[in-house]
Amino acid sequence: VSSFYYAKNLKTITFPSTLTTIYGSDLVGSVFAGTAIETVDLSHTQFSTYGTTRSYGEPHVFVNMGALKTIKFPETLTTFSAQFFDGCSALETVIAPGVTVVPTVGGYSPMKNKAKLTTVQLSDELVSIGDGAFYNCTSLKKITFSGENNVIIINQHAFEGCDLEGTIDLSAACVISDYAFAGNRDLTGIVTGDKLLSISQYAFAGCRSLKDVTITSKLVKYGAY
């Protein structure tokens, strides 16, 4: 289960194209915890499922990979567990073109508090971003929401404390929750669409450079602040 647990000199690993599942442990950490692996490339595989050896608990598949900087997934993976990258403090790039939901469970979210995270690619059919999903990702400067995708809900604190720059296209969003983009001091513009139903309180608090906001929906309910 933890086949390479603290194999400290392990720097590279190659996966077969037939790979579909990786099992982790909710007891001692991930299969690759404590290794020196900086890059994990699963993009050529059929990886789609992950699990734990026990009947309960979060599957710790990539947990405590302190050297991990880049990880790439195939389109067959559609979601992460909440503690997918827990302890991966060096993580910079996550490419996951099939992921449609970024979850939050019990205060945990896979990319939360990743101070070195700069690049994230998710599915064009993204539907939900969980509470605090990218909270305090202080190096994250750009996130793209195409007007053609299905982003419906941006939950509270989702991007609070990031360093997003320029204009963000939120034209597919229905709900922008409390503190969703709070503290993004270099954010300059917001574009929303006809689907938007609510902008909750403090959604853009502390966005001191914000100057261009486009709201076309006539159904929007605004929070107190």
Protein backbone atom coordinates (compact mmCIF):
# COMPACT_ATOMS: atom_id res chain seq x y z
CA VAL A 1 0.00 0.00 0.00
CA SER A 2 2.74 2.45 0.98
CA SER A 3 5.11 0.77 -1.41
CA PHE A 4 7.66 3.61 -1.64
CA TYR A 5 7.01 5.18 1.78
CA TYR A 6 10.03 7.35 2.70
CA ALA A 7 12.23 5.98 -0.07
CA LYS A 8 14.20 9.19 0.33
CA ASN A 9 16.45 8.74 -2.70
CA LEU A 10 13.62 8.01 -5.14
CA LYS A 11 13.51 10.92 -7.61
CA THR A 12 11.64 9.61 -10.65
CA ILE A 13 8.92 7.09 -11.37
CA THR A 14 7.33 6.02 -14.65
CA PHE A 15 3.78 4.72 -14.84
CA PRO A 16 2.38 2.31 -17.46
CA SER A 17 -0.33 3.57 -19.79
CA THR A 18 -2.68 0.88 -18.43
CA LEU A 19 -2.67 2.31 -14.90
CA THR A 20 -6.22 3.00 -13.62
CA THR A 21 -6.03 2.99 -9.80
CA ILE A 22 -3.66 3.99 -6.99
CA TYR A 23 -4.40 2.98 -3.40
CA GLY A 24 -3.15 4.99 -0.46
CA SER A 25 -3.40 4.61 3.29
CA ASP A 26 -5.20 6.78 5.82
CA LEU A 27 -2.78 5.58 8.50
CA VAL A 28 0.81 6.33 7.49
CA GLY A 29 0.56 8.59 4.48
CA SER A 30 0.77 8.21 0.74
CA VAL A 31 2.37 5.60 -1.44
CA PHE A 32 5.11 8.12 -2.26
CA ALA A 33 5.39 10.07 1.04
CA GLY A 34 8.90 11.20 1.91
CA THR A 35 10.37 10.52 -1.54
CA ALA A 36 12.40 13.05 -3.57
CA ILE A 37 10.00 12.91 -6.53
CA GLU A 38 9.47 16.38 -8.03
CA THR A 39 7.28 15.48 -11.02
CA VAL A 40 4.45 12.98 -11.35
CA ASP A 41 3.13 12.52 -14.88
CA LEU A 42 0.00 10.41 -15.17
CA SER A 43 -1.31 12.22 -18.25
CA HIS A 44 -0.68 9.25 -20.56
CA THR A 45 -2.46 6.76 -18.28
CA GLN A 46 -6.10 5.84 -17.62
CA PHE A 47 -5.86 6.85 -13.95
CA SER A 48 -9.38 7.54 -12.70
CA THR A 49 -9.84 6.03 -9.25
CA TYR A 50 -8.05 6.10 -5.93
CA GLY A 51 -8.83 4.64 -2.57
CA THR A 52 -7.82 3.69 0.92
CA THR A 53 -7.17 0.29 2.43
CA ARG A 54 -9.67 0.95 5.22
CA SER A 55 -13.43 1.29 5.08
CA TYR A 56 -13.31 4.90 6.24
CA GLY A 57 -11.02 7.92 6.10
CA GLU A 58 -9.58 10.03 3.30
CA PRO A 59 -7.38 8.21 0.76
CA HIS A 60 -3.87 9.61 1.17
CA VAL A 61 -2.56 9.03 -2.32
CA PHE A 62 -0.11 11.91 -2.81
CA VAL A 63 0.09 13.15 0.78
CA ASN A 64 3.41 14.34 2.29
CA MET A 65 5.33 14.43 -0.96
CA GLY A 66 7.39 17.37 0.21
CA ALA A 67 9.50 17.60 -2.97
CA LEU A 68 6.58 17.42 -5.43
CA LYS A 69 6.41 20.47 -7.71
CA THR A 70 4.43 19.34 -10.76
CA ILE A 71 1.67 16.78 -11.20
CA LYS A 72 -0.24 15.99 -14.37
CA PHE A 73 -3.40 13.90 -14.65
CA PRO A 74 -5.36 12.45 -17.58
CA GLU A 75 -8.89 13.53 -18.45
CA THR A 76 -10.18 10.29 -16.90
CA LEU A 77 -9.70 11.74 -13.38
CA THR A 78 -12.77 13.87 -12.57
CA THR A 79 -12.30 14.83 -8.92
CA PHE A 80 -9.78 14.97 -6.08
CA SER A 81 -10.18 13.85 -2.50
CA ALA A 82 -10.07 16.74 0.00
CA GLN A 83 -6.61 15.76 1.27
CA PHE A 84 -5.16 14.77 -2.09
CA PHE A 85 -2.07 17.00 -1.78
CA ASP A 86 -1.90 17.49 1.98
CA GLY A 87 1.72 18.13 3.00
CA CYS A 88 2.87 18.85 -0.57
CA SER A 89 4.31 22.22 0.39
CA ALA A 90 6.45 22.65 -2.75
CA LEU A 91 3.56 22.12 -5.20
CA GLU A 92 3.65 24.64 -8.06
CA THR A 93 1.68 23.17 -10.97
CA VAL A 94 -1.47 21.01 -11.12
CA ILE A 95 -2.74 19.95 -14.55
CA ALA A 96 -6.05 18.11 -14.27
CA PRO A 97 -8.11 18.66 -17.44
CA GLY A 98 -10.87 16.24 -16.41
CA VAL A 99 -11.57 17.55 -12.89
CA THR A 100 -15.03 19.12 -12.64
CA VAL A 101 -15.31 19.51 -8.85
CA VAL A 102 -12.76 20.85 -6.35
CA PRO A 103 -14.11 19.56 -3.02
CA THR A 104 -13.83 20.67 0.60
CA VAL A 105 -14.42 18.21 3.43
CA GLY A 106 -13.99 19.02 7.11
CA GLY A 107 -12.00 22.15 6.32
CA TYR A 108 -9.62 20.28 4.01
CA SER A 109 -9.26 21.07 0.31
CA PRO A 110 -6.58 19.73 -2.03
CA MET A 111 -4.94 23.04 -3.03
CA LYS A 112 -5.60 25.05 0.15
CA ASN A 113 -2.58 26.88 1.66
CA LYS A 114 -0.25 25.94 -1.20
CA ALA A 115 1.92 29.07 -1.06
CA LYS A 116 4.02 28.14 -4.11
CA LEU A 117 1.13 27.15 -6.39
CA THR A 118 1.23 29.24 -9.58
CA THR A 119 -0.52 27.17 -12.27
CA VAL A 120 -3.81 25.26 -12.18
CA GLN A 121 -5.63 23.75 -15.14
CA LEU A 122 -9.04 22.15 -14.58
CA SER A 123 -11.87 20.99 -16.82
CA ASP A 124 -13.75 23.40 -19.07
CA GLU A 125 -16.84 21.79 -17.54
CA LEU A 126 -15.98 22.74 -13.95
CA VAL A 127 -19.19 23.00 -11.91
CA SER A 128 -18.16 23.69 -8.31
CA ILE A 129 -15.24 25.13 -6.36
CA GLY A 130 -15.43 24.22 -2.67
CA ASP A 131 -15.09 26.37 0.44
CA GLY A 132 -11.53 27.67 0.71
CA ALA A 133 -10.44 25.56 -2.26
CA PHE A 134 -7.52 27.86 -3.09
CA TYR A 135 -7.43 29.76 0.19
CA ASN A 136 -4.09 31.44 0.87
CA CYS A 137 -2.46 30.27 -2.37
CA THR A 138 -0.41 33.45 -2.27
CA SER A 139 1.48 32.84 -5.54
CA LEU A 140 -1.61 32.04 -7.64
CA LYS A 141 -1.92 34.93 -10.08
CA LYS A 142 -4.21 33.59 -12.79
CA ILE A 143 -7.25 31.36 -12.99
CA THR A 144 -9.40 31.10 -16.12
CA PHE A 145 -13.14 30.57 -16.25
CA SER A 146 -14.25 30.45 -19.87
CA GLY A 147 -17.67 31.86 -20.59
CA GLU A 148 -18.41 28.59 -22.33
CA ASN A 149 -17.86 26.38 -19.30
CA ASN A 150 -20.25 25.37 -16.54
CA VAL A 151 -18.81 26.95 -13.39
CA ILE A 152 -21.94 27.33 -11.30
CA ILE A 153 -20.90 27.83 -7.68
CA ILE A 154 -17.82 29.55 -6.29
CA ASN A 155 -18.03 28.82 -2.59
CA GLN A 156 -16.93 30.99 0.32
CA HIS A 157 -13.24 31.83 0.72
CA ALA A 158 -12.53 29.93 -2.54
CA PHE A 159 -9.77 32.30 -3.66
CA GLU A 160 -9.33 34.42 -0.56
CA GLY A 161 -5.74 35.47 -0.02
CA CYS A 162 -4.53 34.58 -3.52
CA ASP A 163 -2.71 37.04 -5.78
CA LEU A 164 -5.01 36.99 -8.80
CA GLU A 165 -4.28 39.66 -11.38
CA GLY A 166 -6.17 41.34 -14.23
CA THR A 167 -9.75 40.54 -15.19
CA ILE A 168 -11.59 37.31 -14.36
CA ASP A 169 -14.40 35.99 -16.55
CA LEU A 170 -17.15 34.69 -14.27
CA SER A 171 -19.85 34.81 -16.93
CA ALA A 172 -20.97 31.22 -16.25
CA ALA A 173 -21.23 31.65 -12.46
CA CYS A 174 -24.58 31.53 -10.65
CA VAL A 175 -23.30 32.09 -7.11
CA ILE A 176 -20.27 34.00 -5.81
CA SER A 177 -20.15 33.31 -2.09
CA ASP A 178 -18.81 35.13 1.00
CA TYR A 179 -15.16 36.22 0.77
CA ALA A 180 -14.78 34.26 -2.50
CA PHE A 181 -12.11 36.60 -3.88
CA ALA A 182 -11.32 38.66 -0.78
CA GLY A 183 -7.80 40.03 -0.45
CA ASN A 184 -6.78 39.77 -4.11
CA ARG A 185 -5.13 43.16 -4.18
CA ASP A 186 -4.13 43.13 -7.87
CA LEU A 187 -7.48 42.01 -9.27
CA THR A 188 -8.63 44.76 -11.64
CA GLY A 189 -11.79 43.50 -13.34
CA ILE A 190 -14.77 41.15 -13.06
CA VAL A 191 -17.10 40.05 -15.87
CA THR A 192 -20.33 38.28 -14.91
CA GLY A 193 -23.22 36.98 -17.00
CA ASP A 194 -26.97 36.55 -17.13
CA LYS A 195 -26.83 33.40 -14.97
CA LEU A 196 -25.63 35.24 -11.87
CA LEU A 197 -28.07 35.10 -8.95
CA SER A 198 -26.04 36.33 -5.98
CA ILE A 199 -22.87 38.06 -4.85
CA SER A 200 -22.53 37.44 -1.13
CA GLN A 201 -21.04 39.69 1.52
CA TYR A 202 -17.35 40.57 1.37
CA ALA A 203 -16.99 38.58 -1.89
CA PHE A 204 -14.43 41.10 -3.17
CA ALA A 205 -13.36 42.71 0.11
CA GLY A 206 -9.83 44.10 0.03
CA CYS A 207 -9.58 43.97 -3.77
CA ARG A 208 -8.10 47.45 -3.78
CA SER A 209 -7.24 47.55 -7.51
CA LEU A 210 -10.72 46.46 -8.65
CA LYS A 211 -12.09 49.14 -10.98
CA ASP A 212 -14.03 47.43 -13.80
CA VAL A 213 -17.08 45.33 -12.88
CA THR A 214 -19.63 44.13 -15.44
CA ILE A 215 -22.97 42.83 -14.15
CA THR A 216 -25.68 42.10 -16.70
CA SER A 217 -28.10 39.94 -14.71
CA LYS A 218 -31.20 41.65 -13.31
CA LEU A 219 -31.72 38.90 -10.72
CA VAL A 220 -28.64 39.47 -8.60
CA LYS A 221 -29.00 39.61 -4.81
CA TYR A 222 -26.16 41.35 -3.01
CA GLY A 223 -24.72 40.66 0.42
CA ALA A 224 -24.68 43.25 3.16
CA TYR A 225 -21.14 44.40 2.35
